[in-house]
Amino acid sequence: MLVIIVPGGVMTEKSIQVNVEKIREILDKNNGARIRTWLSICSRCGLCAESCLFYLANDRNPRFAPAYKVQRTLGTIYKKKGKVTPEFLMECYDIAWGECTTCKRCSLFCPFGIDIASMISLVRTICYSQGLVPEGLARTLPNYEKFGNQMAVSKEDLIETCEWMVEEAADYVKGVTIPLDVAGARYMYTINPREVMFYPQDLGMAAQIFTVAGESWTIPTSGWDSTNLAMFAGANELAGTVADRMYKKALELGVEAILITECGHAMRSAGYEGPYLAGYRNGRPPVPVVHSVQLFYEYLRDGKIQIDPAKRIDAPVTYQDPCNVSRNAGLWEQGREILKFVCNDFRDMSPNRHYNHCCGGGGGFIPMGGPFRKRRLRAGRVKAEQIRKTGAKIVVTPCHNCYDQLNDLNKEYDLGVRIVSLKELLVETMIVPDHLRPDSAGDERQEG
């Protein structure tokens, strides 16, 4: 008997009460020409199979082929007009969250351009409507509602962490600040709560980079969480609220653009899916959205940040393309251009850029936690093999989910590499102008 861990305990097929009318309501709402066409034109050619990391990591078992997964779940739900059994819903849950990261790589290889990831997301929405959602994701949803962020970080904790990081960063860059709620700034910098809770140094590094670049920026004390785990949980109404909260804060402050920290799904939510979820019928955010990869590249290209030639990295380096930064936001070249400035020995994975494989930690897999850990690491074997073949000693990725997953893969597969963000490389190698150089022991880093 399959047992699913959900908020408040566990579920089995005996404890699920299928709400057929609710399922039909969701089907009717999504019964557009697009999905009907996708489900009908799939020829089961199998070209999508080789694109999927779950298929490859599970010895090419046909049941992991993307076409099978979507026909087995959403296709069956439509055929049965929502009249499905509890056992079937549990299988849908298992496939939608346990066998797909919604990375969209399969769509690149489909001769008809079928967007299987969007259909799997719809399966998640249906499961969510029936009370089936991974406990790790479900835990975050009340936090969004009560605190405005997934990790229940209070306003006071955010402010204190920013003040602490200003003190730390001052050892390296004079006059560094983290401005809060500044109206009229060029960028409203939105972050991942993990940076406040577990990686506060990310805030300090960002402050150093922005100070050296002479940037006009601010972090808002509300609407600052650019992540959107509600989107991966299938909680679409809440996901729209999360995105709209950020948009409204940007409009309130009158900033030129929303700047996304080094996070992949935050970019996907803020720039692409969030507008639809928040009710913007044209699919465009009300304020332009820019990812850190783009801005850091522009800093280097325009000379606002300069790299010390003596600090360029000699160790072999490779780049992990986050699905939602590279494939889905089109920023694969900018990441590589940044590395040309800071590295002497860059080695690309194969395949790479928009064809690069998902790390295996996206789509909610990292916060889904323990029950999914074994699958996550197994799926990540494809990425581990990619990294090993490059011979790289440093893996760079501008995404928190990738960062955590790659660190786990590093241990699981004994890769012997160092995982870093772009911010980390920049603060290690950039030149701090004389007028910004501190007079104290912080100069030691600048002297190597």
Protein backbone atom coordinates (compact mmCIF):
# COMPACT_ATOMS: atom_id res chain seq x y z
CA MET A 1 0.00 0.00 0.00
CA LEU A 2 1.38 3.42 -0.98
CA VAL A 3 1.56 5.84 1.95
CA ILE A 4 1.97 9.57 1.35
CA ILE A 5 3.22 12.00 3.97
CA VAL A 6 1.02 15.10 3.98
CA PRO A 7 0.41 17.92 6.46
CA GLY A 8 -1.02 16.50 9.64
CA GLY A 9 -0.05 12.88 9.04
CA VAL A 10 -0.23 10.35 6.22
CA MET A 11 -2.66 9.43 3.48
CA THR A 12 -3.54 6.09 1.96
CA GLU A 13 -6.06 5.22 -0.71
CA LYS A 14 -8.54 4.46 2.10
CA SER A 15 -8.31 7.94 3.57
CA ILE A 16 -8.73 9.92 0.33
CA GLN A 17 -12.17 11.23 -0.51
CA VAL A 18 -12.09 12.13 -4.21
CA ASN A 19 -13.89 15.40 -4.98
CA VAL A 20 -14.83 14.78 -8.61
CA GLU A 21 -16.60 18.12 -8.99
CA LYS A 22 -13.47 19.99 -7.88
CA ILE A 23 -11.37 18.07 -10.40
CA ARG A 24 -13.86 18.80 -13.16
CA GLU A 25 -13.84 22.47 -12.24
CA ILE A 26 -10.06 22.55 -12.71
CA LEU A 27 -10.31 20.59 -15.97
CA ASP A 28 -12.97 22.95 -17.32
CA LYS A 29 -10.88 25.98 -16.40
CA ASN A 30 -7.90 24.52 -18.28
CA ASN A 31 -9.81 22.93 -21.14
CA GLY A 32 -8.35 25.23 -23.77
CA ALA A 33 -7.23 24.36 -27.26
CA ARG A 34 -3.61 24.21 -26.17
CA ILE A 35 -3.91 21.28 -23.74
CA ARG A 36 -6.48 19.45 -25.86
CA THR A 37 -4.12 19.71 -28.83
CA TRP A 38 -1.08 18.58 -26.84
CA LEU A 39 -2.85 15.53 -25.49
CA SER A 40 -4.21 14.54 -28.89
CA ILE A 41 -1.17 15.09 -31.12
CA CYS A 42 1.41 13.22 -29.02
CA SER A 43 2.48 10.38 -31.32
CA ARG A 44 4.36 8.46 -28.60
CA CYS A 45 7.48 8.74 -30.74
CA GLY A 46 9.72 8.60 -27.65
CA LEU A 47 12.00 11.49 -28.66
CA CYS A 48 11.28 13.12 -25.31
CA ALA A 49 12.55 10.11 -23.38
CA GLU A 50 16.29 10.64 -23.90
CA SER A 51 15.86 14.26 -22.81
CA CYS A 52 14.63 13.32 -19.33
CA LEU A 53 17.08 12.89 -16.47
CA PHE A 54 14.66 10.53 -14.66
CA TYR A 55 14.50 8.26 -17.70
CA LEU A 56 18.29 8.24 -18.04
CA ALA A 57 18.95 7.81 -14.32
CA ASN A 58 16.50 4.91 -14.09
CA ASP A 59 18.16 2.76 -16.76
CA ARG A 60 15.89 4.02 -19.54
CA ASN A 61 12.79 2.47 -18.04
CA PRO A 62 9.95 3.46 -20.45
CA ARG A 63 7.62 4.41 -17.62
CA PHE A 64 9.87 7.41 -16.91
CA ALA A 65 9.47 8.78 -20.45
CA PRO A 66 7.78 12.21 -20.29
CA ALA A 67 5.09 11.24 -22.81
CA TYR A 68 4.13 8.23 -20.71
CA LYS A 69 4.03 10.27 -17.51
CA VAL A 70 1.67 12.87 -18.89
CA GLN A 71 -0.61 10.40 -20.68
CA ARG A 72 -0.74 8.19 -17.59
CA THR A 73 -1.76 11.14 -15.41
CA LEU A 74 -3.44 14.11 -17.10
CA GLY A 75 -4.44 12.16 -20.20
CA THR A 76 -6.28 9.61 -18.07
CA ILE A 77 -7.90 12.29 -15.91
CA TYR A 78 -9.36 13.95 -19.01
CA LYS A 79 -10.54 10.64 -20.47
CA LYS A 80 -12.31 9.77 -17.23
CA LYS A 81 -13.63 13.35 -16.91
CA GLY A 82 -12.22 13.58 -13.41
CA LYS A 83 -13.93 10.46 -12.13
CA VAL A 84 -10.81 8.78 -10.79
CA THR A 85 -10.01 6.53 -7.86
CA PRO A 86 -7.96 7.35 -4.76
CA GLU A 87 -5.36 4.79 -5.89
CA PHE A 88 -5.01 6.57 -9.21
CA LEU A 89 -4.66 10.00 -7.56
CA MET A 90 -1.86 8.65 -5.39
CA GLU A 91 -0.08 7.44 -8.51
CA CYS A 92 -0.52 10.90 -10.04
CA TYR A 93 1.01 12.43 -6.90
CA ASP A 94 3.95 10.05 -7.13
CA ILE A 95 4.63 10.90 -10.77
CA ALA A 96 3.97 14.65 -10.66
CA TRP A 97 6.32 15.33 -7.76
CA GLY A 98 8.58 12.30 -7.67
CA GLU A 99 9.41 11.83 -11.35
CA CYS A 100 9.52 15.34 -12.85
CA THR A 101 11.21 18.65 -12.01
CA THR A 102 9.17 20.53 -14.68
CA CYS A 103 12.48 21.60 -16.23
CA LYS A 104 10.96 21.80 -19.76
CA ARG A 105 13.93 20.09 -21.44
CA CYS A 106 11.63 17.51 -23.04
CA SER A 107 9.81 20.24 -24.96
CA LEU A 108 13.02 21.06 -26.84
CA PHE A 109 13.04 17.57 -28.33
CA CYS A 110 9.33 17.12 -28.99
CA PRO A 111 8.65 17.50 -32.74
CA PHE A 112 5.34 19.17 -31.86
CA GLY A 113 6.67 21.39 -29.07
CA ILE A 114 4.37 19.86 -26.46
CA ASP A 115 4.87 21.51 -23.08
CA ILE A 116 4.78 18.49 -20.82
CA ALA A 117 6.00 20.47 -17.81
CA SER A 118 2.90 22.68 -17.91
CA MET A 119 0.68 19.61 -18.00
CA ILE A 120 2.50 18.00 -15.09
CA SER A 121 2.01 21.28 -13.20
CA LEU A 122 -1.71 20.94 -13.88
CA VAL A 123 -1.61 17.44 -12.40
CA ARG A 124 -0.04 18.95 -9.29
CA THR A 125 -2.87 21.47 -9.10
CA ILE A 126 -5.42 18.68 -9.29
CA CYS A 127 -3.65 16.69 -6.58
CA TYR A 128 -3.41 19.79 -4.40
CA SER A 129 -7.15 20.28 -4.71
CA GLN A 130 -7.58 16.80 -3.20
CA GLY A 131 -5.27 17.42 -0.27
CA LEU A 132 -2.31 15.63 -1.86
CA VAL A 133 0.86 17.71 -1.70
CA PRO A 134 4.35 16.89 -0.37
CA GLU A 135 4.58 17.81 3.29
CA GLY A 136 7.81 19.76 2.75
CA LEU A 137 6.14 22.09 0.26
CA ALA A 138 2.90 22.30 2.22
CA ARG A 139 4.80 23.54 5.30
CA THR A 140 5.82 26.68 3.44
CA LEU A 141 2.34 27.75 2.37
CA PRO A 142 1.07 29.13 5.71
CA ASN A 143 4.38 31.00 6.02
CA TYR A 144 3.67 32.88 2.79
CA GLU A 145 0.25 33.82 4.12
CA LYS A 146 1.36 34.88 7.62
CA PHE A 147 4.90 36.21 7.10
CA GLY A 148 5.03 36.93 3.36
CA ASN A 149 7.90 34.49 2.79
CA GLN A 150 8.39 30.74 2.73
CA MET A 151 10.58 30.48 5.86
CA ALA A 152 8.60 32.63 8.29
CA VAL A 153 11.32 35.29 8.50
CA SER A 154 10.05 38.28 10.43
CA LYS A 155 10.67 41.86 9.35
CA GLU A 156 12.86 42.33 12.41
CA ASP A 157 14.99 39.29 11.53
CA LEU A 158 15.46 40.53 7.98
CA ILE A 159 16.57 43.97 9.18
CA GLU A 160 18.92 42.55 11.81
CA THR A 161 20.51 40.17 9.28
CA CYS A 162 21.05 43.02 6.83
CA GLU A 163 22.66 45.16 9.55
CA TRP A 164 24.89 42.25 10.56
CA MET A 165 26.02 41.70 6.97
CA VAL A 166 26.79 45.40 6.52
CA GLU A 167 29.15 45.14 9.48
CA GLU A 168 30.81 42.05 7.98
CA ALA A 169 31.07 43.51 4.48
CA ALA A 170 32.64 46.71 5.79
CA ASP A 171 35.85 44.72 6.37
CA TYR A 172 36.18 44.45 2.59
CA VAL A 173 34.44 47.48 1.09
CA LYS A 174 34.28 50.89 2.75
CA GLY A 175 30.90 52.56 2.95
CA VAL A 176 28.92 49.43 2.07
CA THR A 177 25.22 49.60 2.90
CA ILE A 178 22.09 47.51 2.43
CA PRO A 179 19.44 50.18 1.85
CA LEU A 180 15.93 49.18 2.91
CA ASP A 181 12.64 50.44 1.42
CA VAL A 182 14.27 53.21 -0.60
CA ALA A 183 11.78 54.80 -2.98
CA GLY A 184 12.97 55.57 -6.50
CA ALA A 185 15.93 53.19 -6.50
CA ARG A 186 16.92 51.67 -9.80
CA TYR A 187 16.54 48.08 -8.58
CA MET A 188 14.38 46.45 -5.93
CA TYR A 189 16.57 43.48 -5.02
CA THR A 190 14.47 40.45 -4.14
CA ILE A 191 16.03 37.48 -2.42
CA ASN A 192 15.60 33.87 -1.37
CA PRO A 193 14.74 33.41 2.34
CA ARG A 194 17.53 30.84 2.49
CA GLU A 195 19.92 33.77 2.21
CA VAL A 196 18.55 35.26 5.41
CA MET A 197 18.29 31.95 7.27
CA PHE A 198 21.29 29.94 6.09
CA TYR A 199 23.45 31.98 3.67
CA PRO A 200 23.52 35.54 5.05
CA GLN A 201 26.93 36.04 3.44
CA ASP A 202 25.08 36.20 0.11
CA LEU A 203 23.52 39.48 1.22
CA GLY A 204 26.92 40.83 2.22
CA MET A 205 28.49 39.80 -1.08
CA ALA A 206 25.67 41.40 -3.05
CA ALA A 207 26.12 44.62 -1.07
CA GLN A 208 29.85 44.65 -1.86
CA ILE A 209 29.22 44.17 -5.57
CA PHE A 210 26.52 46.84 -5.75
CA THR A 211 28.67 49.30 -3.80
CA VAL A 212 31.68 48.83 -6.07
CA ALA A 213 29.44 49.13 -9.14
CA GLY A 214 27.88 52.32 -7.77
CA GLU A 215 24.42 50.84 -8.05
CA SER A 216 21.15 52.39 -6.88
CA TRP A 217 19.31 49.55 -5.15
CA THR A 218 17.14 48.61 -2.22
CA ILE A 219 15.77 45.57 -0.43
CA PRO A 220 12.11 45.95 0.55
CA THR A 221 11.02 44.84 4.00
CA SER A 222 7.89 43.27 2.48
CA GLY A 223 7.47 41.59 -0.88
CA TRP A 224 11.16 40.67 -0.81
CA ASP A 225 10.79 36.89 -1.19
CA SER A 226 11.08 36.21 -4.91
CA THR A 227 10.74 32.45 -4.48
CA ASN A 228 7.36 30.89 -5.06
CA LEU A 229 7.06 27.35 -3.74
CA ALA A 230 3.28 27.68 -3.92
CA MET A 231 3.75 27.49 -7.69
CA PHE A 232 5.45 24.09 -7.35
CA ALA A 233 2.88 22.91 -4.80
CA GLY A 234 0.03 23.44 -7.25
CA ALA A 235 -1.49 26.14 -5.00
CA ASN A 236 -2.14 28.51 -7.88
CA GLU A 237 -4.23 31.11 -6.07
CA LEU A 238 -1.59 31.55 -3.37
CA ALA A 239 1.17 31.51 -6.00
CA GLY A 240 -0.54 34.46 -7.69
CA THR A 241 -0.72 36.30 -4.39
CA VAL A 242 2.99 35.71 -3.73
CA ALA A 243 3.98 37.12 -7.13
CA ASP A 244 1.57 40.04 -6.95
CA ARG A 245 2.84 41.03 -3.50
CA MET A 246 6.28 41.57 -5.02
CA TYR A 247 4.92 43.47 -8.03
CA LYS A 248 2.86 45.80 -5.84
CA LYS A 249 5.84 46.58 -3.61
CA ALA A 250 7.93 47.46 -6.67
CA LEU A 251 5.18 49.76 -7.91
CA GLU A 252 4.85 51.31 -4.46
CA LEU A 253 8.57 52.08 -4.28
CA GLY A 254 8.64 53.33 -7.86
CA VAL A 255 11.73 51.34 -8.82
CA GLU A 256 12.85 50.85 -12.42
CA ALA A 257 13.04 47.06 -12.20
CA ILE A 258 12.82 44.04 -9.93
CA LEU A 259 16.22 42.37 -9.54
CA ILE A 260 16.24 38.64 -8.82
CA THR A 261 18.96 37.09 -6.69
CA GLU A 262 20.83 33.99 -7.90
CA CYS A 263 17.75 31.79 -7.90
CA GLY A 264 16.22 29.93 -10.82
CA HIS A 265 12.58 29.35 -9.99
CA ALA A 266 12.32 32.91 -8.62
CA MET A 267 13.05 34.14 -12.14
CA ARG A 268 10.50 31.74 -13.60
CA SER A 269 7.86 32.94 -11.19
CA ALA A 270 8.56 36.67 -11.27
CA GLY A 271 9.21 36.97 -14.98
CA TYR A 272 7.07 34.37 -16.69
CA GLU A 273 4.48 32.41 -14.74
CA GLY A 274 3.83 34.89 -11.94
CA PRO A 275 2.07 37.45 -14.14
CA TYR A 276 -0.48 34.89 -15.32
CA LEU A 277 -0.97 33.55 -11.81
CA ALA A 278 -1.45 37.09 -10.50
CA GLY A 279 -4.07 37.87 -13.13
CA TYR A 280 -2.06 39.90 -15.66
CA ARG A 281 -3.74 38.72 -18.84
CA ASN A 282 -0.94 39.93 -21.12
CA GLY A 283 1.50 37.68 -19.26
CA ARG A 284 3.87 40.53 -18.48
CA PRO A 285 4.96 41.73 -15.05
CA PRO A 286 3.97 45.35 -14.33
CA VAL A 287 7.62 46.15 -13.58
CA PRO A 288 10.54 44.77 -15.64
CA VAL A 289 12.29 41.77 -14.09
CA VAL A 290 16.08 41.33 -14.33
CA HIS A 291 18.15 38.39 -13.11
CA SER A 292 21.50 38.84 -11.36
CA VAL A 293 23.28 36.95 -14.14
CA GLN A 294 22.26 39.64 -16.62
CA LEU A 295 23.24 42.53 -14.35
CA PHE A 296 26.59 41.06 -13.28
CA TYR A 297 27.47 40.50 -16.93
CA GLU A 298 26.62 44.13 -17.72
CA TYR A 299 28.79 45.33 -14.82
CA LEU A 300 31.79 43.48 -16.25
CA ARG A 301 31.03 44.37 -19.86
CA ASP A 302 30.69 48.07 -19.04
CA GLY A 303 33.68 48.20 -16.68
CA LYS A 304 31.65 48.98 -13.55
CA ILE A 305 33.27 45.91 -12.02
CA GLN A 306 36.84 45.06 -12.98
CA ILE A 307 38.71 41.84 -12.30
CA ASP A 308 42.23 41.76 -10.86
CA PRO A 309 44.30 39.79 -13.42
CA ALA A 310 46.38 38.33 -10.60
CA LYS A 311 43.26 36.84 -9.03
CA ARG A 312 41.84 35.15 -12.10
CA ILE A 313 41.11 31.53 -11.27
CA ASP A 314 43.53 28.93 -12.62
CA ALA A 315 41.68 25.81 -11.46
CA PRO A 316 39.41 24.24 -14.11
CA VAL A 317 35.87 25.63 -13.87
CA THR A 318 32.55 24.47 -15.29
CA TYR A 319 29.10 26.09 -15.28
CA GLN A 320 25.80 24.57 -14.25
CA ASP A 321 22.98 26.10 -16.29
CA PRO A 322 19.92 26.42 -14.02
CA CYS A 323 16.87 25.35 -16.04
CA ASN A 324 14.92 28.46 -15.12
CA VAL A 325 17.80 30.88 -15.71
CA SER A 326 19.32 29.43 -18.87
CA ARG A 327 16.74 27.32 -20.71
CA ASN A 328 13.64 29.23 -19.62
CA ALA A 329 15.05 32.77 -19.32
CA GLY A 330 17.62 32.61 -22.13
CA LEU A 331 20.62 33.71 -20.06
CA TRP A 332 23.04 30.89 -20.88
CA GLU A 333 25.61 33.08 -22.70
CA GLN A 334 25.73 35.80 -20.04
CA GLY A 335 26.82 33.29 -17.40
CA ARG A 336 29.64 32.08 -19.61
CA GLU A 337 30.71 35.62 -20.48
CA ILE A 338 31.10 36.34 -16.77
CA LEU A 339 33.36 33.32 -16.38
CA LYS A 340 35.55 34.50 -19.26
CA PHE A 341 36.40 37.52 -17.10
CA VAL A 342 37.31 35.54 -13.99
CA CYS A 343 38.59 32.12 -15.15
CA ASN A 344 41.60 30.91 -17.12
CA ASP A 345 40.40 27.33 -17.66
CA PHE A 346 36.69 27.06 -18.43
CA ARG A 347 35.34 23.63 -19.42
CA ASP A 348 31.76 23.32 -20.57
CA MET A 349 29.59 20.35 -19.75
CA SER A 350 28.12 18.33 -22.58
CA PRO A 351 25.32 18.97 -23.36
CA ASN A 352 25.20 22.59 -22.23
CA ARG A 353 23.38 25.92 -22.41
CA HIS A 354 19.63 25.48 -23.02
CA TYR A 355 20.20 21.77 -23.66
CA ASN A 356 21.92 21.21 -20.31
CA HIS A 357 20.38 18.66 -17.98
CA CYS A 358 18.51 19.70 -14.87
CA CYS A 359 20.55 19.17 -11.69
CA GLY A 360 17.67 17.15 -10.25
CA GLY A 361 16.90 19.58 -7.43
CA GLY A 362 14.36 21.83 -9.15
CA GLY A 363 10.59 21.75 -9.27
CA GLY A 364 10.38 21.76 -5.48
CA PHE A 365 12.60 18.70 -4.93
CA ILE A 366 14.94 20.38 -2.43
CA PRO A 367 12.24 21.65 -0.02
CA MET A 368 10.22 18.43 -0.51
CA GLY A 369 12.78 16.92 1.82
CA GLY A 370 13.47 13.45 3.17
CA PRO A 371 10.80 11.31 1.49
CA PHE A 372 12.12 12.42 -1.91
CA ARG A 373 15.85 12.59 -1.13
CA LYS A 374 16.76 9.16 -2.50
CA ARG A 375 15.00 9.88 -5.81
CA ARG A 376 16.58 13.31 -6.02
CA LEU A 377 20.09 11.96 -5.62
CA ARG A 378 19.44 9.12 -8.07
CA ALA A 379 18.16 11.53 -10.70
CA GLY A 380 21.19 13.74 -10.05
CA ARG A 381 23.49 10.96 -11.23
CA VAL A 382 23.15 12.36 -14.76
CA LYS A 383 24.47 15.73 -13.60
CA ALA A 384 27.23 14.15 -11.52
CA GLU A 385 28.49 12.27 -14.59
CA GLN A 386 28.42 15.49 -16.62
CA ILE A 387 30.54 17.29 -14.03
CA ARG A 388 33.01 14.44 -13.63
CA LYS A 389 33.66 14.28 -17.36
CA THR A 390 34.75 17.94 -17.45
CA GLY A 391 37.54 17.38 -14.93
CA ALA A 392 36.53 20.66 -13.31
CA LYS A 393 37.44 21.47 -9.73
CA ILE A 394 34.98 24.35 -9.38
CA VAL A 395 31.31 24.29 -10.38
CA VAL A 396 29.59 27.66 -10.68
CA THR A 397 25.82 28.02 -10.59
CA PRO A 398 23.57 31.08 -10.13
CA CYS A 399 20.74 29.21 -8.40
CA HIS A 400 20.16 28.22 -4.77
CA ASN A 401 18.42 24.95 -5.61
CA CYS A 402 21.27 23.96 -7.93
CA TYR A 403 23.77 25.02 -5.27
CA ASP A 404 22.23 22.77 -2.62
CA GLN A 405 21.67 19.87 -5.00
CA LEU A 406 25.22 20.03 -6.37
CA ASN A 407 26.64 20.05 -2.86
CA ASP A 408 24.63 16.90 -2.11
CA LEU A 409 25.76 15.29 -5.38
CA ASN A 410 29.34 16.25 -4.58
CA LYS A 411 29.14 14.12 -1.43
CA GLU A 412 26.98 11.33 -2.87
CA TYR A 413 29.18 10.74 -5.92
CA ASP A 414 32.53 11.84 -4.46
CA LEU A 415 33.12 14.49 -7.12
CA GLY A 416 35.73 16.44 -5.18
CA VAL A 417 34.60 19.82 -6.47
CA ARG A 418 33.84 23.21 -4.94
CA ILE A 419 30.38 24.65 -5.57
CA VAL A 420 30.19 28.46 -5.79
CA SER A 421 27.84 31.23 -6.86
CA LEU A 422 28.71 34.03 -9.25
CA LYS A 423 28.63 36.52 -6.37
CA GLU A 424 31.28 34.53 -4.56
CA LEU A 425 33.60 34.52 -7.57
CA LEU A 426 33.14 38.24 -8.13
CA VAL A 427 33.96 39.30 -4.57
CA GLU A 428 37.02 37.04 -4.62
CA THR A 429 38.41 38.46 -7.85
CA MET A 430 37.09 42.00 -8.35
CA ILE A 431 39.18 45.12 -7.82
CA VAL A 432 37.96 47.31 -4.98
CA PRO A 433 38.77 50.92 -5.99
CA ASP A 434 41.13 52.80 -3.71
CA HIS A 435 38.41 55.11 -2.36
CA LEU A 436 36.42 52.05 -1.25
CA ARG A 437 39.28 50.09 0.26
CA PRO A 438 39.01 49.80 4.05
CA ASP A 439 41.93 50.89 6.17
CA SER A 440 41.82 47.82 8.42
CA ALA A 441 42.53 44.11 8.22
CA GLY A 442 40.01 43.66 5.43
CA ASP A 443 42.79 44.69 3.04
CA GLU A 444 44.30 41.24 3.49
CA ARG A 445 41.79 39.73 1.09
CA GLN A 446 42.62 42.32 -1.54
CA GLU A 447 46.28 41.47 -1.19
CA GLY A 448 45.52 37.77 -1.80
